[in-house]
Every structure is written in C-alpha cells, then in structure tokens.
C-alpha cells in the first residue's frame, strides 16, 4: 500500500510548461523516467543519506526522497522536481547499496531464503506552486535459498554494487528470486512509474 501526502497548492497556474528535473544521478531512474517521453534534466541532490538512530527503512526512504526533491527544488524553484530513494528492508534492518564485493556477498547471504521489502519512496516538489507530495511503493521479494557458489557467480556476472540489496531484478538478478509481489512494476528497479505519473499529473505536468 502506498501513501500520499499532498500540500495544498495554488494550482490555478498549471505547470504544463514547467521544466521537469530528476533529482537523482541514478542511471536506472533516468532510464525509467525516459519511458514517460517527457523532456527532463538531471541534477544531483546534495543530501546526507545517513540514517537517523532508530529510523525504520520505510521512514528513511520517505525522508530521503523528500529531502532530495526539496534540495533540487531549491536550485530550480520554477521546476517540477522528482526525488526518489530505495531502502531494502530485512526484518526492519535497512540494507543500502553495497558499494563493493565483500559487502554484496554479506548482503546476499543475509537475504537468502528471506523475505525482503524494498521500500521505494517518491517525492514531487514544485516551489513555485507550493506543490509537495510523497508516496511509497513497497515491493515484497522472496529470495531463494542461495548457495555461496550461486552468490559468487551472480556477483561476478553482474557486479550490482550500486543497487540496494545487491541485485538487479531487471537483469540476471531475477534468477536469485522466488517471487515478487508489488503493484507498481518498475518500483523494484528504483522509480515507481505508476506513482510517478500520478504525482506529475497532480503537479500539473501533461503526460498524454
């Protein structure tokens, strides 16, 4: 189930001609957003992603998605800005991007045979109109009981060190999984496009 909190906005001025900015340097999110066939630019958000003590993976993802959108919106106040963040949630423990091989091995060993919820948060902000909205797509993923050899073979083949949870479901990583349960098919890759399209429409961006 997703959540959506909207800040009232003076929508009397539609954002149809406003620029759209993706507040992310992720190539996966950029490639996904390109599916909507709207012009957009990319700006890297300067946001500290350190979790707050005791913060749940869900709240961490939501906070960072909004912080990224707000940071980029401060640089582009006339634009409609998209921010997103994903945190893998293993029994309440956040798993981020491994960054390197040893950490990826550790993550996949932790997740084998387990159910992991990938919390993919989305925020859309436009300072000029006062629009601000957040939403969350939860993707429930069951990992196979992977052997150490399978984990090593996968990591050597795909090297998913820039992916939360150390797996690319859109690639060979699908072979690691038993099942995926979600209502927004691109959420696991990093940007829930059904929710993104919905919030962009609410912000006044014409998609069709």
Protein backbone atom coordinates (compact mmCIF):
# COMPACT_ATOMS: atom_id res chain seq x y z
CA UNK A 1 0.00 0.00 0.00
CA UNK A 2 1.31 3.43 -0.88
CA UNK A 3 0.86 6.67 0.96
CA UNK A 4 0.36 10.09 -0.49
CA UNK A 5 0.50 13.37 1.41
CA UNK A 6 -0.21 16.49 -0.57
CA UNK A 7 0.48 20.06 0.37
CA UNK A 8 -2.32 22.35 -0.86
CA UNK A 9 -1.16 24.31 -3.84
CA UNK A 10 -2.39 27.25 -5.83
CA UNK A 11 -2.93 25.06 -8.87
CA UNK A 12 -4.59 27.92 -10.71
CA UNK A 13 -1.32 28.18 -12.61
CA UNK A 14 -0.87 24.79 -14.34
CA UNK A 15 2.71 23.52 -14.57
CA UNK A 16 2.23 22.25 -18.12
CA UNK A 17 5.16 24.24 -19.44
CA UNK A 18 7.33 23.97 -16.34
CA UNK A 19 10.62 22.13 -16.67
CA UNK A 20 10.87 18.72 -15.04
CA UNK A 21 14.03 17.86 -13.10
CA UNK A 22 15.04 14.45 -11.84
CA UNK A 23 16.86 14.88 -8.54
CA UNK A 24 18.99 11.79 -8.91
CA UNK A 25 22.18 10.68 -10.60
CA UNK A 26 20.95 7.07 -10.84
CA UNK A 27 21.10 5.85 -14.43
CA UNK A 28 18.35 3.36 -13.61
CA UNK A 29 15.95 6.13 -12.59
CA UNK A 30 16.92 8.21 -15.60
CA UNK A 31 16.24 5.33 -17.96
CA UNK A 32 12.89 4.63 -16.30
CA UNK A 33 11.77 8.27 -16.44
CA UNK A 34 12.60 8.34 -20.15
CA UNK A 35 9.71 5.89 -20.66
CA UNK A 36 7.25 8.73 -19.97
CA UNK A 37 8.61 10.60 -23.01
CA UNK A 38 8.75 13.99 -21.35
CA UNK A 39 11.75 16.33 -21.52
CA UNK A 40 13.67 16.49 -18.25
CA UNK A 41 17.07 17.39 -16.89
CA UNK A 42 19.07 15.77 -14.10
CA UNK A 43 20.54 17.45 -11.03
CA UNK A 44 22.46 15.65 -8.30
CA UNK A 45 20.92 16.25 -4.87
CA UNK A 46 23.34 17.19 -2.10
CA UNK A 47 21.75 15.24 0.75
CA UNK A 48 23.27 13.41 3.73
CA UNK A 49 21.86 9.89 3.50
CA UNK A 50 22.94 8.78 6.97
CA UNK A 51 20.03 7.07 8.77
CA UNK A 52 18.75 8.59 12.00
CA UNK A 53 19.19 6.33 15.02
CA UNK A 54 16.15 4.05 15.29
CA UNK A 55 14.75 5.16 11.92
CA UNK A 56 12.83 2.45 10.07
CA UNK A 57 13.78 1.61 6.47
CA UNK A 58 10.36 2.89 5.36
CA UNK A 59 10.77 6.24 7.08
CA UNK A 60 14.36 6.53 5.90
CA UNK A 61 13.32 6.09 2.27
CA UNK A 62 10.48 8.61 2.59
CA UNK A 63 12.66 11.18 4.34
CA UNK A 64 15.47 10.93 1.81
CA UNK A 65 13.19 11.05 -1.23
CA UNK A 66 11.60 14.27 0.04
CA UNK A 67 14.94 15.75 1.10
CA UNK A 68 16.38 15.09 -2.36
CA UNK A 69 13.41 16.69 -4.11
CA UNK A 70 13.48 19.70 -1.80
CA UNK A 71 17.25 20.19 -2.20
CA UNK A 72 17.00 20.20 -6.00
CA UNK A 73 13.82 22.33 -5.95
CA UNK A 74 15.78 24.97 -4.05
CA UNK A 75 18.08 25.18 -7.07
CA UNK A 76 15.22 25.04 -9.61
CA UNK A 77 12.26 26.79 -7.93
CA UNK A 78 10.21 27.02 -11.13
CA UNK A 79 10.60 23.33 -11.98
CA UNK A 80 8.68 20.22 -11.03
CA UNK A 81 11.29 18.11 -9.25
CA UNK A 82 11.27 14.35 -8.71
CA UNK A 83 13.16 12.78 -5.83
CA UNK A 84 13.37 9.09 -5.02
CA UNK A 85 15.11 6.72 -2.65
CA UNK A 86 15.11 2.97 -2.12
CA UNK A 87 15.99 1.03 1.01
CA UNK A 88 15.95 -2.75 1.27
CA UNK A 89 14.16 -3.76 4.49
CA UNK A 90 15.23 -7.07 6.02
CA UNK A 91 13.18 -7.61 9.19
CA UNK A 92 13.41 -3.90 9.98
CA UNK A 93 17.13 -3.67 9.16
CA UNK A 94 17.98 -1.25 6.33
CA UNK A 95 20.23 -2.56 3.57
CA UNK A 96 21.62 0.06 1.24
CA UNK A 97 23.94 -0.07 -1.75
CA UNK A 98 26.83 -2.44 -1.01
CA UNK A 99 29.45 -0.40 -2.85
CA UNK A 100 31.88 -3.29 -3.10
CA UNK A 101 32.09 -7.07 -3.50
CA UNK A 102 32.55 -8.21 0.09
CA UNK A 103 29.59 -6.17 1.30
CA UNK A 104 27.43 -7.51 -1.55
CA UNK A 105 28.32 -11.09 -0.58
CA UNK A 106 27.35 -10.32 3.01
CA UNK A 107 24.01 -8.81 1.98
CA UNK A 108 23.02 -11.70 -0.28
CA UNK A 109 23.95 -14.23 2.40
CA UNK A 110 21.73 -12.34 4.84
CA UNK A 111 18.82 -12.31 2.38
CA UNK A 112 18.92 -15.90 1.12
CA UNK A 113 15.71 -17.71 1.97
CA UNK A 114 14.29 -14.48 3.39
CA UNK A 115 11.53 -12.04 2.50
CA UNK A 116 12.87 -8.55 1.86
CA UNK A 117 10.66 -5.48 1.43
CA UNK A 118 12.16 -2.94 -0.95
CA UNK A 119 10.85 0.43 0.23
CA UNK A 120 10.86 2.71 -2.82
CA UNK A 121 9.87 6.25 -1.92
CA UNK A 122 8.96 9.05 -4.30
CA UNK A 123 8.56 12.80 -3.85
CA UNK A 124 7.48 15.51 -6.28
CA UNK A 125 8.02 19.16 -5.37
CA UNK A 126 7.41 22.48 -7.14
CA UNK A 127 8.36 25.54 -5.12
CA UNK A 128 6.67 27.98 -7.49
CA UNK A 129 3.22 26.47 -6.91
CA UNK A 130 3.76 25.15 -3.39
CA UNK A 131 3.15 21.58 -4.55
CA UNK A 132 4.69 18.85 -2.43
CA UNK A 133 3.70 15.18 -2.42
CA UNK A 134 5.22 11.90 -1.31
CA UNK A 135 4.31 8.30 -1.99
CA UNK A 136 5.76 4.89 -1.24
CA UNK A 137 5.81 1.63 -3.17
CA UNK A 138 6.53 -1.48 -1.13
CA UNK A 139 7.85 -4.44 -3.09
CA UNK A 140 7.88 -7.78 -1.27
CA UNK A 141 10.65 -10.01 -2.60
CA UNK A 142 11.35 -13.61 -1.55
CA UNK A 143 14.93 -14.70 -2.18
CA UNK A 144 15.81 -18.30 -2.99
CA UNK A 145 17.97 -20.22 -0.53
CA UNK A 146 21.10 -19.35 -2.44
CA UNK A 147 24.35 -21.25 -2.18
CA UNK A 148 27.63 -19.40 -1.71
CA UNK A 149 28.62 -20.52 -5.22
CA UNK A 150 25.45 -19.03 -6.74
CA UNK A 151 26.03 -15.76 -4.91
CA UNK A 152 29.62 -15.54 -6.13
CA UNK A 153 28.68 -16.46 -9.72
CA UNK A 154 25.95 -13.82 -9.78
CA UNK A 155 28.13 -11.05 -8.37
CA UNK A 156 30.95 -11.81 -10.79
CA UNK A 157 28.49 -11.74 -13.70
CA UNK A 158 26.56 -8.56 -12.88
CA UNK A 159 28.52 -6.62 -10.23
CA UNK A 160 25.42 -4.87 -8.82
CA UNK A 161 27.35 -2.83 -6.28
CA UNK A 162 25.32 0.33 -6.93
CA UNK A 163 21.98 -1.37 -6.21
CA UNK A 164 20.21 -1.53 -2.85
CA UNK A 165 20.15 -5.17 -1.81
CA UNK A 166 22.93 -6.21 -4.21
CA UNK A 167 20.68 -7.49 -7.01
CA UNK A 168 19.34 -6.25 -10.35
CA UNK A 169 15.92 -7.76 -10.84
CA UNK A 170 15.81 -6.41 -14.40
CA UNK A 171 18.89 -8.49 -15.22
CA UNK A 172 20.35 -11.80 -14.10
CA UNK A 173 19.32 -10.97 -10.53
CA UNK A 174 15.86 -12.31 -11.33
CA UNK A 175 17.41 -15.80 -11.02
CA UNK A 176 18.05 -15.13 -7.32
CA UNK A 177 14.37 -14.71 -6.56
CA UNK A 178 11.48 -16.96 -5.63
CA UNK A 179 8.76 -14.32 -6.04
CA UNK A 180 8.00 -10.60 -6.36
CA UNK A 181 4.79 -9.01 -5.08
CA UNK A 182 4.07 -5.37 -5.95
CA UNK A 183 1.52 -3.04 -7.56
CA UNK A 184 3.97 -0.80 -9.45
CA UNK A 185 6.18 -2.93 -11.71
CA UNK A 186 9.16 -0.56 -12.02
CA UNK A 187 9.42 0.18 -8.30
CA UNK A 188 11.97 -2.56 -7.67
CA UNK A 189 14.29 -1.06 -10.30
CA UNK A 190 14.24 2.27 -8.46
CA UNK A 191 11.39 4.51 -9.64
CA UNK A 192 7.69 3.52 -9.37
CA UNK A 193 6.41 4.90 -12.66
CA UNK A 194 2.70 4.48 -11.95
CA UNK A 195 3.07 6.63 -8.86
CA UNK A 196 5.46 9.00 -10.62
CA UNK A 197 2.97 9.59 -13.43
CA UNK A 198 0.19 10.15 -10.90
CA UNK A 199 2.12 12.75 -8.92
CA UNK A 200 3.36 14.51 -12.05
CA UNK A 201 -0.23 14.83 -13.26
CA UNK A 202 -1.23 16.21 -9.85
CA UNK A 203 1.62 18.72 -10.13
CA UNK A 204 0.20 19.84 -13.48
CA UNK A 205 2.57 18.05 -15.87
CA UNK A 206 0.82 16.83 -19.00
CA UNK A 207 1.90 13.32 -19.96
CA UNK A 208 -0.55 12.45 -22.74
